[in-house]
N, C-alpha and C. Protein backbone atom coordinates (compact mmCIF):
# COMPACT_ATOMS: atom_id res chain seq x y z
N UNK A 1 1.00 -1.28 0.10
CA UNK A 1 -0.02 -0.08 -0.20
C UNK A 1 0.74 1.54 0.07
N UNK A 2 0.22 1.98 -0.74
CA UNK A 2 1.40 3.38 -1.04
C UNK A 2 1.02 4.29 0.85
N UNK A 3 1.73 5.33 0.65
CA UNK A 3 1.90 5.74 1.83
C UNK A 3 1.01 7.06 1.38
N UNK A 4 -0.18 7.18 2.66
CA UNK A 4 -1.43 8.17 2.89
C UNK A 4 -1.08 8.78 3.67
N UNK A 5 -1.85 10.25 3.94
CA UNK A 5 -2.10 10.66 4.90
C UNK A 5 -3.48 10.78 4.57
N UNK A 6 -4.39 11.35 6.54
CA UNK A 6 -5.28 11.44 6.70
C UNK A 6 -5.91 13.07 6.16
N UNK A 7 -6.67 13.37 5.42
CA UNK A 7 -7.45 14.69 5.34
C UNK A 7 -8.69 15.35 5.93
N UNK A 8 -9.04 15.83 6.64
CA UNK A 8 -10.39 16.17 7.17
C UNK A 8 -10.32 17.71 6.36
N UNK A 9 -11.15 17.79 5.73
CA UNK A 9 -11.74 19.34 5.16
C UNK A 9 -13.19 19.90 5.72
N UNK A 10 -12.64 20.86 6.23
CA UNK A 10 -14.32 21.42 7.05
C UNK A 10 -14.75 22.78 6.85
N UNK A 11 -15.89 23.18 6.40
CA UNK A 11 -16.13 24.49 6.65
C UNK A 11 -16.83 24.47 7.91
N UNK A 12 -17.23 26.35 8.06
CA UNK A 12 -17.39 26.42 9.61
C UNK A 12 -18.79 26.08 10.00
N UNK A 13 -19.60 25.16 8.90
CA UNK A 13 -20.98 24.97 9.37
C UNK A 13 -21.35 23.53 8.70
N UNK A 14 -20.25 22.69 8.43
CA UNK A 14 -19.88 21.59 8.36
C UNK A 14 -18.70 20.46 8.19
N UNK A 15 -18.59 19.34 8.17
CA UNK A 15 -17.43 18.46 7.63
C UNK A 15 -17.89 18.35 6.31
N UNK A 16 -16.96 18.60 5.18
CA UNK A 16 -17.19 18.67 3.79
C UNK A 16 -16.79 17.54 3.44
N UNK A 17 -15.51 16.79 3.73
CA UNK A 17 -14.69 15.52 3.17
C UNK A 17 -13.68 15.33 4.11
N UNK A 18 -14.03 13.80 4.33
CA UNK A 18 -12.69 12.65 5.24
C UNK A 18 -12.43 12.19 4.58
N UNK A 19 -11.32 11.41 4.48
CA UNK A 19 -10.56 10.28 3.98
C UNK A 19 -9.07 10.32 3.65
N UNK A 20 -8.46 8.92 3.19
CA UNK A 20 -7.12 9.09 2.82
C UNK A 20 -6.60 9.30 1.55
N UNK A 21 -5.76 10.19 1.80
CA UNK A 21 -5.30 10.66 0.13
C UNK A 21 -3.54 10.74 0.13
N UNK A 22 -2.88 10.79 -1.01
CA UNK A 22 -1.89 10.36 -1.58
C UNK A 22 -1.06 11.80 -1.74
N UNK A 23 -1.97 12.93 -2.00
CA UNK A 23 -1.82 13.89 -2.20
C UNK A 23 -2.79 15.06 -2.12
N UNK A 24 -2.44 16.19 -1.58
CA UNK A 24 -3.71 17.43 -1.66
C UNK A 24 -2.58 18.46 -2.01
N UNK A 25 -3.38 19.89 -2.81
CA UNK A 25 -2.83 20.92 -3.24
C UNK A 25 -3.47 21.71 -2.82
N UNK A 26 -3.30 23.11 -2.71
CA UNK A 26 -4.12 24.03 -2.11
C UNK A 26 -3.60 25.53 -1.75
N UNK A 27 -4.31 26.50 -2.21
CA UNK A 27 -3.10 27.61 -2.57
C UNK A 27 -3.40 28.34 -1.30
N UNK A 28 -2.24 28.55 -0.70
CA UNK A 28 -2.03 29.42 0.27
C UNK A 28 -1.37 31.34 0.51
N UNK A 29 -1.36 31.87 1.14
CA UNK A 29 -1.26 33.41 1.37
C UNK A 29 0.79 33.39 0.34
N UNK A 30 1.33 32.09 0.53
CA UNK A 30 2.74 32.01 0.21
C UNK A 30 2.57 31.24 -1.08
N UNK A 31 1.39 31.19 -1.40
CA UNK A 31 1.73 30.27 -2.84
C UNK A 31 0.39 29.30 -2.41
N UNK A 32 0.30 28.36 -3.84
CA UNK A 32 0.36 27.20 -3.88
C UNK A 32 1.09 25.99 -3.42
N UNK A 33 0.67 24.88 -2.76
CA UNK A 33 1.48 23.91 -1.96
C UNK A 33 0.98 22.87 -2.20
N UNK A 34 1.53 21.34 -2.24
CA UNK A 34 1.36 20.57 -2.22
C UNK A 34 1.64 19.22 -1.20
N UNK A 35 1.09 18.51 -0.63
CA UNK A 35 1.23 18.33 0.49
C UNK A 35 1.25 16.82 0.85
N UNK A 36 2.28 16.02 0.35
CA UNK A 36 2.24 14.37 0.14
C UNK A 36 2.49 14.02 1.87
N UNK A 37 2.22 12.58 1.88
CA UNK A 37 2.74 12.15 2.87
C UNK A 37 4.51 11.98 3.30
N UNK A 38 4.73 12.14 4.43
CA UNK A 38 6.03 12.40 5.48
C UNK A 38 6.19 14.24 5.07
N UNK A 39 5.27 15.38 4.68
CA UNK A 39 5.89 16.29 4.62
C UNK A 39 6.24 16.65 5.60
N UNK A 40 7.07 18.16 5.74
CA UNK A 40 7.07 18.64 7.03
C UNK A 40 6.29 18.99 7.80
N UNK A 41 5.80 19.30 9.09
CA UNK A 41 4.59 19.93 10.05
C UNK A 41 4.76 21.43 9.05
N UNK A 42 3.83 21.67 8.82
CA UNK A 42 3.16 23.17 8.46
C UNK A 42 1.83 23.92 9.02
N UNK A 43 1.87 25.28 8.94
CA UNK A 43 0.20 25.76 9.55
C UNK A 43 0.55 26.87 8.37
N UNK A 44 -0.64 26.90 7.47
CA UNK A 44 -0.74 28.27 6.30
C UNK A 44 -1.99 28.72 6.54
N UNK A 45 -2.54 29.62 5.83
CA UNK A 45 -3.62 30.84 5.86
C UNK A 45 -4.08 30.38 4.20
N UNK A 46 -5.16 30.07 4.00
CA UNK A 46 -5.80 29.57 3.34
C UNK A 46 -5.93 30.39 2.05
N UNK A 47 -5.83 30.57 0.81
CA UNK A 47 -6.65 31.72 -0.06
C UNK A 47 -7.76 30.79 -0.41
N UNK A 48 -8.64 32.16 -1.34
CA UNK A 48 -9.58 31.29 -1.94
C UNK A 48 -9.11 30.84 -3.13
N UNK A 49 -9.68 29.59 -3.81
CA UNK A 49 -8.65 28.82 -4.70
C UNK A 49 -9.14 27.63 -4.23
N UNK A 50 -9.37 26.65 -5.65
CA UNK A 50 -9.94 24.96 -5.67
C UNK A 50 -8.94 24.62 -4.87
N UNK A 51 -9.18 23.33 -3.96
CA UNK A 51 -8.30 22.21 -3.46
C UNK A 51 -8.68 21.61 -4.34
N UNK A 52 -7.50 20.66 -4.52
CA UNK A 52 -7.52 19.47 -5.47
C UNK A 52 -6.88 18.29 -3.54
N UNK A 53 -7.59 16.99 -3.68
CA UNK A 53 -7.31 15.88 -3.40
C UNK A 53 -7.22 14.56 -3.96
N UNK A 54 -6.12 14.06 -4.16
CA UNK A 54 -6.03 12.83 -5.14
C UNK A 54 -6.01 11.68 -3.80
N UNK A 55 -7.02 11.27 -4.01
CA UNK A 55 -7.61 9.86 -2.78
C UNK A 55 -6.82 8.55 -3.01
N UNK A 56 -6.60 8.24 -1.83
CA UNK A 56 -6.08 6.46 -1.77
C UNK A 56 -6.38 5.85 -2.84
N UNK A 57 -8.02 5.71 -3.08
CA UNK A 57 -8.09 5.01 -4.34
C UNK A 57 -8.06 5.49 -5.68
N UNK A 58 -7.24 6.55 -5.82
CA UNK A 58 -7.21 7.15 -7.17
C UNK A 58 -7.67 7.73 -7.87
N UNK A 59 -8.86 8.15 -6.93
CA UNK A 59 -10.15 9.46 -7.89
C UNK A 59 -9.53 11.01 -7.17
N UNK A 60 -9.81 11.73 -7.98
CA UNK A 60 -9.90 13.28 -7.48
C UNK A 60 -10.90 14.02 -7.07
N UNK A 61 -10.81 14.42 -6.07
CA UNK A 61 -11.86 15.27 -4.96
C UNK A 61 -11.34 16.73 -5.17
N UNK A 62 -12.04 17.20 -5.65
CA UNK A 62 -12.13 18.76 -5.61
C UNK A 62 -13.05 20.12 -5.05
N UNK A 63 -12.40 20.65 -4.22
CA UNK A 63 -13.14 21.97 -3.43
C UNK A 63 -13.23 23.05 -3.94
N UNK A 64 -14.16 23.81 -4.00
CA UNK A 64 -13.97 25.38 -3.67
C UNK A 64 -13.91 26.19 -2.30
N UNK A 65 -12.62 26.73 -2.22
CA UNK A 65 -12.32 26.92 -0.43
C UNK A 65 -12.03 28.67 -0.58
N UNK A 66 -13.14 28.66 0.47
CA UNK A 66 -12.61 30.51 0.90
C UNK A 66 -12.17 30.73 1.83
N UNK A 67 -10.69 30.79 1.96
CA UNK A 67 -10.33 31.49 3.42
C UNK A 67 -10.13 30.01 4.29
N UNK A 68 -9.42 30.47 5.38
CA UNK A 68 -9.20 29.52 6.34
C UNK A 68 -7.89 29.23 6.55
N UNK A 69 -7.65 28.09 7.35
CA UNK A 69 -6.30 27.59 7.79
C UNK A 69 -6.40 26.27 7.12
N UNK A 70 -4.61 25.88 7.23
CA UNK A 70 -3.99 24.67 7.11
C UNK A 70 -3.21 24.18 7.78
N UNK A 71 -3.69 22.76 8.56
CA UNK A 71 -2.34 22.50 9.21
C UNK A 71 -2.19 20.85 9.07
N UNK A 72 -0.56 20.83 8.77
CA UNK A 72 -0.12 19.72 8.89
C UNK A 72 0.62 19.23 9.69
N UNK A 73 0.49 17.86 10.25
CA UNK A 73 1.67 17.03 10.80
C UNK A 73 1.44 15.32 11.19
N UNK A 74 1.71 14.36 11.16
CA UNK A 74 1.83 13.13 12.12
C UNK A 74 1.24 12.62 10.15
N UNK A 75 1.34 12.92 8.96
CA UNK A 75 0.67 12.53 7.91
C UNK A 75 -1.19 12.78 8.57
N UNK A 76 -1.33 14.19 8.60
CA UNK A 76 -2.89 13.93 9.44
C UNK A 76 -3.12 15.78 8.62
N UNK A 77 -3.86 15.92 7.73
CA UNK A 77 -3.82 17.11 7.20
C UNK A 77 -5.33 17.97 7.30
N UNK A 78 -5.10 19.26 8.07
CA UNK A 78 -6.77 19.72 8.44
C UNK A 78 -6.67 21.05 7.57
N UNK A 79 -7.79 20.87 6.91
CA UNK A 79 -8.24 22.52 6.39
C UNK A 79 -9.37 22.88 6.63
N UNK A 80 -9.36 23.65 7.65
CA UNK A 80 -10.45 24.20 8.34
C UNK A 80 -11.32 25.92 7.38
N UNK A 81 -11.87 25.50 6.46
CA UNK A 81 -12.52 26.92 5.67
C UNK A 81 -13.53 27.58 6.44
N UNK A 82 -13.48 29.15 6.01
CA UNK A 82 -14.81 29.86 6.14
C UNK A 82 -15.65 28.97 5.30
N UNK A 83 -15.49 29.08 4.02
CA UNK A 83 -16.81 28.40 3.44
C UNK A 83 -15.68 27.11 2.51
N UNK A 84 -16.62 26.30 1.93
CA UNK A 84 -16.10 24.76 1.23
C UNK A 84 -17.24 24.65 0.68
N UNK A 85 -17.11 24.43 -0.51
CA UNK A 85 -18.37 22.85 -1.53
C UNK A 85 -17.26 22.49 -2.11
N UNK A 86 -17.43 21.17 -2.43
CA UNK A 86 -17.20 20.13 -3.39
C UNK A 86 -17.82 20.91 -4.88
N UNK A 87 -16.79 20.25 -5.66
CA UNK A 87 -17.36 20.91 -7.32
C UNK A 87 -18.43 20.19 -7.46
N UNK A 88 -18.73 18.88 -7.25
CA UNK A 88 -19.90 18.37 -7.46
C UNK A 88 -21.13 18.92 -6.95
N UNK A 89 -21.14 19.45 -5.73
CA UNK A 89 -22.18 20.24 -5.58
C UNK A 89 -22.53 21.44 -6.20
N UNK A 90 -21.57 22.01 -6.79
CA UNK A 90 -22.18 23.22 -7.39
C UNK A 90 -22.68 23.32 -8.85
N UNK A 91 -23.79 24.70 -8.72
CA UNK A 91 -24.49 24.74 -9.54
C UNK A 91 -23.69 26.09 -10.40
N UNK A 92 -23.16 25.07 -11.56
CA UNK A 92 -22.70 26.19 -12.59
C UNK A 92 -22.90 26.97 -13.07
N UNK A 93 -24.54 26.63 -13.60
CA UNK A 93 -25.33 27.92 -14.09
C UNK A 93 -25.46 29.32 -13.42
N UNK A 94 -25.69 28.74 -11.99
CA UNK A 94 -25.66 29.57 -10.57
C UNK A 94 -24.60 29.92 -10.45
N UNK A 95 -23.42 29.77 -10.59
CA UNK A 95 -21.76 30.80 -10.33
C UNK A 95 -22.08 31.25 -11.18
N UNK A 96 -22.03 31.11 -12.50
CA UNK A 96 -22.34 32.24 -13.28
C UNK A 96 -23.11 33.46 -13.31
N UNK A 97 -24.21 33.09 -12.98
CA UNK A 97 -24.95 34.26 -12.90
C UNK A 97 -24.12 35.26 -11.50
N UNK A 98 -23.92 34.37 -10.78
CA UNK A 98 -23.30 35.23 -9.44
C UNK A 98 -22.40 36.09 -9.63
N UNK A 99 -21.33 35.46 -10.80
CA UNK A 99 -19.85 36.10 -10.96
C UNK A 99 -20.41 37.53 -11.85
N UNK A 100 -21.59 36.91 -12.93
CA UNK A 100 -22.32 38.62 -13.88
C UNK A 100 -22.93 39.65 -13.05
N UNK A 101 -23.52 39.10 -11.87
CA UNK A 101 -23.91 40.54 -10.84
C UNK A 101 -22.85 40.99 -9.84
N UNK A 102 -22.18 40.59 -10.06
CA UNK A 102 -20.90 40.66 -8.95
C UNK A 102 -20.53 41.60 -9.92
N UNK A 103 -20.01 41.02 -10.90
CA UNK A 103 -19.13 42.11 -11.80
C UNK A 103 -19.87 43.58 -12.03
N UNK A 104 -20.99 42.98 -12.40
CA UNK A 104 -22.14 44.42 -12.62
C UNK A 104 -22.25 45.70 -11.31
N UNK A 105 -22.27 44.90 -10.20
CA UNK A 105 -21.98 45.46 -8.82
C UNK A 105 -20.96 45.71 -8.23
N UNK A 106 -19.79 45.45 -9.22
CA UNK A 106 -18.36 45.98 -8.32
C UNK A 106 -18.03 45.18 -6.89
N UNK A 107 -18.38 43.96 -6.71
CA UNK A 107 -18.74 43.26 -5.72
C UNK A 107 -17.43 42.26 -5.92
N UNK A 108 -15.96 43.04 -5.85
CA UNK A 108 -14.94 42.06 -5.61
C UNK A 108 -14.89 40.87 -4.89
N UNK A 109 -15.73 40.84 -3.50
CA UNK A 109 -14.98 39.94 -2.88
C UNK A 109 -16.49 38.45 -3.58
N UNK A 110 -17.85 39.02 -3.44
CA UNK A 110 -18.53 37.93 -4.26
C UNK A 110 -17.85 37.45 -5.86
N UNK A 111 -17.52 38.39 -6.46
CA UNK A 111 -16.77 38.16 -7.72
C UNK A 111 -16.08 37.20 -7.71
N UNK A 112 -14.82 37.27 -6.28
CA UNK A 112 -13.73 35.88 -6.46
C UNK A 112 -14.32 34.88 -5.79
N UNK A 113 -15.46 34.98 -4.84
CA UNK A 113 -16.24 33.30 -4.42
C UNK A 113 -16.65 32.85 -5.61
N UNK A 114 -17.38 33.19 -6.56
CA UNK A 114 -17.79 32.72 -7.47
C UNK A 114 -16.99 32.21 -8.92
N UNK A 115 -16.33 33.33 -9.56
CA UNK A 115 -14.97 32.71 -10.12
C UNK A 115 -14.37 31.43 -9.14
N UNK A 116 -14.18 31.49 -8.20
CA UNK A 116 -13.32 29.90 -7.35
C UNK A 116 -14.11 28.76 -7.81
N UNK A 117 -15.65 28.88 -7.54
CA UNK A 117 -16.66 27.81 -7.70
C UNK A 117 -16.57 27.39 -9.21
N UNK A 118 -16.46 28.77 -9.91
CA UNK A 118 -16.05 27.80 -11.21
C UNK A 118 -15.17 27.58 -11.87
N UNK A 119 -13.82 28.21 -11.40
CA UNK A 119 -12.27 26.79 -11.56
C UNK A 119 -12.39 25.99 -10.96
N UNK A 120 -13.43 25.73 -9.51
CA UNK A 120 -13.25 24.78 -9.04
C UNK A 120 -14.05 23.50 -9.91
N UNK A 121 -14.85 23.72 -10.70
CA UNK A 121 -15.68 22.58 -11.89
C UNK A 121 -15.09 22.26 -12.62
N UNK A 122 -14.28 23.54 -13.20
CA UNK A 122 -13.31 23.12 -14.24
C UNK A 122 -12.26 22.60 -13.94
N UNK A 123 -11.58 22.16 -12.65
CA UNK A 123 -10.77 21.11 -12.41
C UNK A 123 -10.69 20.18 -11.94
N UNK A 124 -12.02 19.86 -11.70
CA UNK A 124 -12.77 18.66 -11.44
C UNK A 124 -12.37 18.00 -12.66
């Protein structure tokens, strides 16, 4: 069996995904980071962006994450997000409408959230 890390992706309102993975890629304030089993311990601030999880079964899980923190030690990765949703849960047409509305209202935060949701679906 390949080396694994245990991943918990949690939003403020729910547990989004939990399981074993071989690689997780997330965007932090320091840039994109890939975490694999055996990575040195770290603590980081999550930026809005897609999080990609390569599961131990060989599938890929993608989530749109909007802010939060990540912590890794002893092959356990915790992603604690303000807002997070799996790409499979995202209604693309709704996200596109929200993006257009945010652009016309010049709401940069809403525009960023809608854009991340659309990119998460595209990565999937």
